[in-house]
Amino acid sequence: MTTPPGAGVLDRAWDISPRVSVRPESFGALLYHFGTRRLSFLKDRRLLQVVQSLAASPTAREACRSAGLAPHEIPAYERALAQLAATDMLQERA
């Protein structure tokens, strides 16, 4: 599902696409999509924590809270998650 940036990403349930490999790095992580051959860089370890906790969280907002993000930090993470969803790195859960 392609999601435009900021389109209610936080209040929906997400998971890492099964076609995506996540490789943690000292700077954050590398995400590689085997279908599109797209490589994405997560330049923030907390964003990696959010992405990795999506499957266990009812919404992306809860994943952000569980990563300890302050309310004023969440909009930046919302934009990052929206971009990951738009590039099929994340997929919406039913």
N, C-alpha and C. Protein backbone atom coordinates (compact mmCIF):
# COMPACT_ATOMS: atom_id res chain seq x y z
N MET A 1 0.84 -1.18 0.00
CA MET A 1 0.00 0.00 0.00
C MET A 1 0.88 1.24 0.00
N THR A 2 0.64 2.16 -0.88
CA THR A 2 1.39 3.39 -0.94
C THR A 2 0.66 4.46 -0.15
N THR A 3 1.40 5.10 0.75
CA THR A 3 0.81 6.08 1.63
C THR A 3 1.50 7.42 1.43
N PRO A 4 0.77 8.48 1.14
CA PRO A 4 1.41 9.78 1.02
C PRO A 4 1.96 10.22 2.38
N PRO A 5 3.07 10.95 2.39
CA PRO A 5 3.66 11.38 3.66
C PRO A 5 2.65 12.06 4.58
N GLY A 6 2.65 11.62 5.83
CA GLY A 6 1.81 12.23 6.85
C GLY A 6 0.35 11.83 6.83
N ALA A 7 -0.04 10.84 6.06
CA ALA A 7 -1.45 10.47 5.92
C ALA A 7 -1.90 9.53 7.03
N GLY A 8 -1.94 10.03 8.26
CA GLY A 8 -2.44 9.22 9.37
C GLY A 8 -1.59 8.01 9.70
N VAL A 9 -0.32 8.07 9.42
CA VAL A 9 0.58 6.94 9.64
C VAL A 9 0.61 6.52 11.11
N LEU A 10 0.58 7.47 12.00
CA LEU A 10 0.75 7.15 13.42
C LEU A 10 -0.40 6.35 14.01
N ASP A 11 -1.58 6.49 13.48
CA ASP A 11 -2.74 5.84 14.08
C ASP A 11 -3.12 4.54 13.38
N ARG A 12 -2.20 4.00 12.62
CA ARG A 12 -2.43 2.72 11.94
C ARG A 12 -1.37 1.71 12.37
N ALA A 13 -1.68 0.45 12.14
CA ALA A 13 -0.77 -0.65 12.50
C ALA A 13 0.13 -0.98 11.32
N TRP A 14 1.42 -1.11 11.56
CA TRP A 14 2.41 -1.35 10.52
C TRP A 14 3.31 -2.51 10.90
N ASP A 15 3.97 -3.02 9.90
CA ASP A 15 5.00 -4.04 10.08
C ASP A 15 6.05 -3.83 9.01
N ILE A 16 7.23 -4.32 9.24
CA ILE A 16 8.27 -4.30 8.21
C ILE A 16 7.84 -5.26 7.11
N SER A 17 7.95 -4.84 5.88
CA SER A 17 7.58 -5.70 4.76
C SER A 17 8.40 -7.00 4.82
N PRO A 18 7.77 -8.14 4.51
CA PRO A 18 8.52 -9.40 4.52
C PRO A 18 9.63 -9.45 3.47
N ARG A 19 9.60 -8.53 2.52
CA ARG A 19 10.63 -8.48 1.48
C ARG A 19 11.76 -7.53 1.85
N VAL A 20 11.76 -7.05 3.10
CA VAL A 20 12.78 -6.09 3.55
C VAL A 20 13.68 -6.73 4.59
N SER A 21 14.95 -6.53 4.40
CA SER A 21 15.96 -6.97 5.36
C SER A 21 16.46 -5.74 6.12
N VAL A 22 16.58 -5.90 7.44
CA VAL A 22 17.04 -4.80 8.29
C VAL A 22 18.41 -5.18 8.87
N ARG A 23 19.39 -4.32 8.62
CA ARG A 23 20.72 -4.57 9.16
C ARG A 23 21.10 -3.41 10.08
N PRO A 24 21.06 -3.64 11.40
CA PRO A 24 21.46 -2.59 12.34
C PRO A 24 22.93 -2.19 12.12
N GLU A 25 23.18 -0.91 12.26
CA GLU A 25 24.52 -0.34 12.12
C GLU A 25 24.73 0.65 13.27
N SER A 26 25.95 1.09 13.44
CA SER A 26 26.25 2.03 14.54
C SER A 26 25.49 3.34 14.38
N PHE A 27 25.19 3.75 13.16
CA PHE A 27 24.49 5.01 12.91
C PHE A 27 22.97 4.86 12.93
N GLY A 28 22.48 3.64 12.87
CA GLY A 28 21.04 3.37 12.79
C GLY A 28 20.82 2.02 12.15
N ALA A 29 20.52 2.02 10.83
CA ALA A 29 20.31 0.74 10.14
C ALA A 29 20.25 0.94 8.64
N LEU A 30 20.45 -0.16 7.94
CA LEU A 30 20.23 -0.23 6.50
C LEU A 30 19.00 -1.10 6.27
N LEU A 31 18.12 -0.65 5.43
CA LEU A 31 16.95 -1.45 5.03
C LEU A 31 17.08 -1.71 3.54
N TYR A 32 16.96 -2.98 3.18
CA TYR A 32 17.05 -3.34 1.77
C TYR A 32 15.78 -4.06 1.36
N HIS A 33 15.13 -3.56 0.31
CA HIS A 33 13.91 -4.18 -0.21
C HIS A 33 14.30 -5.08 -1.38
N PHE A 34 14.09 -6.38 -1.22
CA PHE A 34 14.49 -7.34 -2.25
C PHE A 34 13.63 -7.26 -3.50
N GLY A 35 12.44 -6.73 -3.41
CA GLY A 35 11.58 -6.60 -4.58
C GLY A 35 11.94 -5.40 -5.44
N THR A 36 12.15 -4.26 -4.80
CA THR A 36 12.44 -3.03 -5.54
C THR A 36 13.93 -2.74 -5.64
N ARG A 37 14.71 -3.48 -4.87
CA ARG A 37 16.17 -3.28 -4.78
C ARG A 37 16.51 -1.90 -4.23
N ARG A 38 15.59 -1.37 -3.47
CA ARG A 38 15.79 -0.05 -2.87
C ARG A 38 16.51 -0.20 -1.53
N LEU A 39 17.44 0.69 -1.28
CA LEU A 39 18.19 0.73 -0.03
C LEU A 39 17.82 2.01 0.70
N SER A 40 17.45 1.87 1.97
CA SER A 40 17.13 3.03 2.79
C SER A 40 18.03 3.04 4.01
N PHE A 41 18.40 4.22 4.43
CA PHE A 41 19.24 4.39 5.60
C PHE A 41 18.40 4.98 6.72
N LEU A 42 18.45 4.35 7.88
CA LEU A 42 17.86 4.94 9.09
C LEU A 42 19.03 5.55 9.84
N LYS A 43 19.06 6.85 9.91
CA LYS A 43 20.21 7.54 10.51
C LYS A 43 19.97 7.88 11.98
N ASP A 44 19.16 7.09 12.63
CA ASP A 44 18.79 7.35 14.01
C ASP A 44 18.47 6.01 14.68
N ARG A 45 19.17 5.72 15.75
CA ARG A 45 18.96 4.43 16.44
C ARG A 45 17.55 4.35 17.02
N ARG A 46 16.99 5.48 17.41
CA ARG A 46 15.62 5.43 17.95
C ARG A 46 14.60 5.15 16.86
N LEU A 47 14.86 5.62 15.65
CA LEU A 47 13.97 5.27 14.54
C LEU A 47 14.04 3.77 14.28
N LEU A 48 15.21 3.20 14.37
CA LEU A 48 15.34 1.75 14.25
C LEU A 48 14.53 1.05 15.34
N GLN A 49 14.60 1.55 16.55
CA GLN A 49 13.84 0.98 17.66
C GLN A 49 12.34 1.05 17.37
N VAL A 50 11.88 2.18 16.84
CA VAL A 50 10.47 2.33 16.49
C VAL A 50 10.09 1.32 15.41
N VAL A 51 10.87 1.24 14.36
CA VAL A 51 10.58 0.33 13.25
C VAL A 51 10.55 -1.12 13.74
N GLN A 52 11.49 -1.48 14.58
CA GLN A 52 11.54 -2.86 15.07
C GLN A 52 10.39 -3.19 16.02
N SER A 53 9.81 -2.19 16.65
CA SER A 53 8.72 -2.45 17.60
C SER A 53 7.34 -2.33 16.95
N LEU A 54 7.27 -2.00 15.67
CA LEU A 54 5.98 -1.84 15.01
C LEU A 54 5.12 -3.10 15.07
N ALA A 55 5.72 -4.26 14.87
CA ALA A 55 4.95 -5.51 14.84
C ALA A 55 4.29 -5.81 16.18
N ALA A 56 4.90 -5.37 17.26
CA ALA A 56 4.36 -5.65 18.59
C ALA A 56 3.48 -4.53 19.12
N SER A 57 3.32 -3.47 18.34
CA SER A 57 2.55 -2.31 18.78
C SER A 57 1.24 -2.21 18.01
N PRO A 58 0.17 -1.79 18.67
CA PRO A 58 -1.11 -1.66 17.97
C PRO A 58 -1.12 -0.54 16.93
N THR A 59 -0.30 0.48 17.15
CA THR A 59 -0.20 1.60 16.19
C THR A 59 1.25 2.08 16.17
N ALA A 60 1.56 2.85 15.14
CA ALA A 60 2.90 3.45 15.06
C ALA A 60 3.09 4.46 16.20
N ARG A 61 2.02 5.12 16.60
CA ARG A 61 2.12 6.07 17.72
C ARG A 61 2.57 5.35 19.00
N GLU A 62 2.02 4.17 19.23
CA GLU A 62 2.43 3.38 20.41
C GLU A 62 3.88 2.93 20.29
N ALA A 63 4.31 2.60 19.08
CA ALA A 63 5.71 2.22 18.88
C ALA A 63 6.62 3.40 19.20
N CYS A 64 6.20 4.61 18.83
CA CYS A 64 6.98 5.81 19.15
C CYS A 64 7.03 6.02 20.66
N ARG A 65 5.91 5.86 21.31
CA ARG A 65 5.87 6.03 22.78
C ARG A 65 6.75 5.00 23.46
N SER A 66 6.71 3.75 22.98
CA SER A 66 7.52 2.70 23.62
C SER A 66 9.01 2.94 23.41
N ALA A 67 9.36 3.71 22.37
CA ALA A 67 10.77 4.06 22.14
C ALA A 67 11.19 5.25 22.99
N GLY A 68 10.25 5.80 23.75
CA GLY A 68 10.57 6.91 24.65
C GLY A 68 10.60 8.27 23.99
N LEU A 69 9.93 8.41 22.85
CA LEU A 69 9.92 9.71 22.17
C LEU A 69 9.02 10.69 22.90
N ALA A 70 9.49 11.91 23.01
CA ALA A 70 8.69 12.98 23.60
C ALA A 70 7.67 13.45 22.56
N PRO A 71 6.55 14.00 23.00
CA PRO A 71 5.52 14.45 22.05
C PRO A 71 6.04 15.39 20.96
N HIS A 72 6.96 16.27 21.30
CA HIS A 72 7.47 17.21 20.30
C HIS A 72 8.38 16.54 19.27
N GLU A 73 8.87 15.33 19.56
CA GLU A 73 9.73 14.61 18.62
C GLU A 73 8.94 13.77 17.61
N ILE A 74 7.72 13.44 17.95
CA ILE A 74 6.94 12.49 17.14
C ILE A 74 6.69 12.96 15.71
N PRO A 75 6.43 14.23 15.41
CA PRO A 75 6.19 14.62 14.01
C PRO A 75 7.34 14.25 13.06
N ALA A 76 8.57 14.38 13.51
CA ALA A 76 9.71 14.00 12.66
C ALA A 76 9.70 12.50 12.38
N TYR A 77 9.35 11.71 13.37
CA TYR A 77 9.30 10.26 13.20
C TYR A 77 8.10 9.87 12.34
N GLU A 78 7.02 10.61 12.45
CA GLU A 78 5.85 10.37 11.60
C GLU A 78 6.23 10.55 10.13
N ARG A 79 6.98 11.61 9.83
CA ARG A 79 7.42 11.84 8.46
C ARG A 79 8.32 10.71 7.97
N ALA A 80 9.22 10.25 8.83
CA ALA A 80 10.12 9.16 8.44
C ALA A 80 9.35 7.87 8.20
N LEU A 81 8.39 7.56 9.07
CA LEU A 81 7.58 6.35 8.88
C LEU A 81 6.72 6.45 7.63
N ALA A 82 6.18 7.63 7.35
CA ALA A 82 5.38 7.83 6.14
C ALA A 82 6.22 7.59 4.89
N GLN A 83 7.46 8.04 4.93
CA GLN A 83 8.35 7.82 3.78
C GLN A 83 8.67 6.33 3.62
N LEU A 84 8.89 5.64 4.72
CA LEU A 84 9.15 4.20 4.66
C LEU A 84 7.92 3.45 4.13
N ALA A 85 6.74 3.89 4.51
CA ALA A 85 5.52 3.26 4.01
C ALA A 85 5.34 3.55 2.52
N ALA A 86 5.64 4.77 2.11
CA ALA A 86 5.48 5.16 0.70
C ALA A 86 6.43 4.40 -0.22
N THR A 87 7.55 3.93 0.33
CA THR A 87 8.52 3.19 -0.47
C THR A 87 8.43 1.68 -0.23
N ASP A 88 7.33 1.25 0.36
CA ASP A 88 7.03 -0.17 0.60
C ASP A 88 8.01 -0.87 1.54
N MET A 89 8.72 -0.11 2.34
CA MET A 89 9.56 -0.72 3.38
C MET A 89 8.69 -1.21 4.52
N LEU A 90 7.59 -0.51 4.75
CA LEU A 90 6.61 -0.89 5.76
C LEU A 90 5.32 -1.25 5.05
N GLN A 91 4.58 -2.17 5.66
CA GLN A 91 3.26 -2.50 5.12
C GLN A 91 2.26 -2.41 6.24
N GLU A 92 1.07 -1.97 5.88
CA GLU A 92 0.00 -1.83 6.86
C GLU A 92 -0.55 -3.19 7.24
N ARG A 93 -0.79 -3.37 8.55
CA ARG A 93 -1.41 -4.60 9.04
C ARG A 93 -2.92 -4.42 9.02
N ALA A 94 -3.61 -5.50 8.80
CA ALA A 94 -5.09 -5.46 8.80
C ALA A 94 -5.62 -5.34 10.20
